[in-house]
Every structure is written in structure tokens, then in C-alpha cells.
Amino acid sequence: MEHSTGTTPRSTHAERQARAAWLITELGRLAAQADDPQDQARYRRTADSLLRLATAQRS
């Protein structure tokens, strides 16, 4: 299997940050709308993990 090199444009740092911010916001919205407390906690934990990952990548 061959891997292409340079044929797919890579996303910029700003684009990755924007996607992470959107995903964190979306997970928060899903948590707020979830009826099941376990689902709410799961969405919030996922958003928290993503936020920690995004923060670590900035350093």
C-alpha cells in the first residue's frame, strides 16, 4: 500500500483550533440536551478531555 506524499493539503493550526473549539461547543450542547444523566456526564468528560488535549498541544 502506498501513501501519498503532499497530495492532500494539511490543515493549519488555526483550522485545527477552530475544529476543536466547534467540537467542544457541540459536545456541551449535546450534554445540555441529553435526558440521561450518564449521557450528560459522558459528553462533558469527552469535551473536557478534548479541551485538555487542545491545551497541551498549544504548549
C-alpha atoms as a PDB file:
ATOM      1  CA  MET A   1       0.000   0.000   0.000  1.00  0.00           C
ATOM      2  CA  GLU A   2       1.450   3.335  -0.998  1.00  0.00           C
ATOM      3  CA  HIS A   3       0.975   6.526   0.931  1.00  0.00           C
ATOM      4  CA  SER A   4       0.592   9.726  -0.964  1.00  0.00           C
ATOM      5  CA  THR A   5       3.016  12.470  -0.085  1.00  0.00           C
ATOM      6  CA  GLY A   6       1.962  16.052  -0.387  1.00  0.00           C
ATOM      7  CA  THR A   7      -1.199  15.466  -2.388  1.00  0.00           C
ATOM      8  CA  THR A   8      -3.597  16.355   0.431  1.00  0.00           C
ATOM      9  CA  PRO A   9      -3.313  19.831   1.901  1.00  0.00           C
ATOM     10  CA  ARG A  10      -2.709  19.771   5.635  1.00  0.00           C
ATOM     11  CA  SER A  11      -4.867  21.835   7.910  1.00  0.00           C
ATOM     12  CA  THR A  12      -3.365  24.853   9.567  1.00  0.00           C
ATOM     13  CA  HIS A  13      -3.016  25.309  13.295  1.00  0.00           C
ATOM     14  CA  ALA A  14      -5.863  27.835  13.253  1.00  0.00           C
ATOM     15  CA  GLU A  15      -8.119  25.376  11.399  1.00  0.00           C
ATOM     16  CA  ARG A  16      -7.399  22.627  13.922  1.00  0.00           C
ATOM     17  CA  GLN A  17      -8.108  25.026  16.784  1.00  0.00           C
ATOM     18  CA  ALA A  18     -11.365  26.090  15.166  1.00  0.00           C
ATOM     19  CA  ARG A  19     -12.470  22.469  14.715  1.00  0.00           C
ATOM     20  CA  ALA A  20     -11.581  21.638  18.327  1.00  0.00           C
ATOM     21  CA  ALA A  21     -13.493  24.694  19.584  1.00  0.00           C
ATOM     22  CA  TRP A  22     -16.509  23.749  17.482  1.00  0.00           C
ATOM     23  CA  LEU A  23     -16.405  20.156  18.736  1.00  0.00           C
ATOM     24  CA  ILE A  24     -16.119  21.248  22.379  1.00  0.00           C
ATOM     25  CA  THR A  25     -19.104  23.576  21.900  1.00  0.00           C
ATOM     26  CA  GLU A  26     -21.102  20.848  20.177  1.00  0.00           C
ATOM     27  CA  LEU A  27     -20.370  18.347  22.954  1.00  0.00           C
ATOM     28  CA  GLY A  28     -21.500  20.909  25.516  1.00  0.00           C
ATOM     29  CA  ARG A  29     -24.720  21.434  23.581  1.00  0.00           C
ATOM     30  CA  LEU A  30     -25.332  17.689  23.395  1.00  0.00           C
ATOM     31  CA  ALA A  31     -24.712  17.369  27.144  1.00  0.00           C
ATOM     32  CA  ALA A  32     -27.215  20.141  27.850  1.00  0.00           C
ATOM     33  CA  GLN A  33     -29.856  18.452  25.685  1.00  0.00           C
ATOM     34  CA  ALA A  34     -29.295  14.888  26.910  1.00  0.00           C
ATOM     35  CA  ASP A  35     -32.038  13.444  29.087  1.00  0.00           C
ATOM     36  CA  ASP A  36     -29.912  10.668  30.569  1.00  0.00           C
ATOM     37  CA  PRO A  37     -27.507  11.859  33.286  1.00  0.00           C
ATOM     38  CA  GLN A  38     -24.968   9.239  32.177  1.00  0.00           C
ATOM     39  CA  ASP A  39     -25.017  10.665  28.652  1.00  0.00           C
ATOM     40  CA  GLN A  40     -24.604  14.178  30.056  1.00  0.00           C
ATOM     41  CA  ALA A  41     -21.558  13.088  32.046  1.00  0.00           C
ATOM     42  CA  ARG A  42     -20.111  11.217  29.072  1.00  0.00           C
ATOM     43  CA  TYR A  43     -20.416  14.274  26.788  1.00  0.00           C
ATOM     44  CA  ARG A  44     -18.908  16.553  29.435  1.00  0.00           C
ATOM     45  CA  ARG A  45     -15.991  14.188  30.065  1.00  0.00           C
ATOM     46  CA  THR A  46     -15.338  13.944  26.345  1.00  0.00           C
ATOM     47  CA  ALA A  47     -15.385  17.734  25.971  1.00  0.00           C
ATOM     48  CA  ASP A  48     -13.076  18.080  28.982  1.00  0.00           C
ATOM     49  CA  SER A  49     -10.631  15.554  27.523  1.00  0.00           C
ATOM     50  CA  LEU A  50     -10.627  17.333  24.185  1.00  0.00           C
ATOM     51  CA  LEU A  51     -10.040  20.678  25.894  1.00  0.00           C
ATOM     52  CA  ARG A  52      -7.088  19.229  27.837  1.00  0.00           C
ATOM     53  CA  LEU A  53      -5.637  17.776  24.642  1.00  0.00           C
ATOM     54  CA  ALA A  54      -6.016  21.075  22.775  1.00  0.00           C
ATOM     55  CA  THR A  55      -4.406  22.943  25.667  1.00  0.00           C
ATOM     56  CA  ALA A  56      -1.485  20.518  25.798  1.00  0.00           C
ATOM     57  CA  GLN A  57      -0.865  20.891  22.055  1.00  0.00           C
ATOM     58  CA  ARG A  58      -0.561  24.671  22.431  1.00  0.00           C
ATOM     59  CA  SER A  59       2.365  24.271  24.824  1.00  0.00           C
END
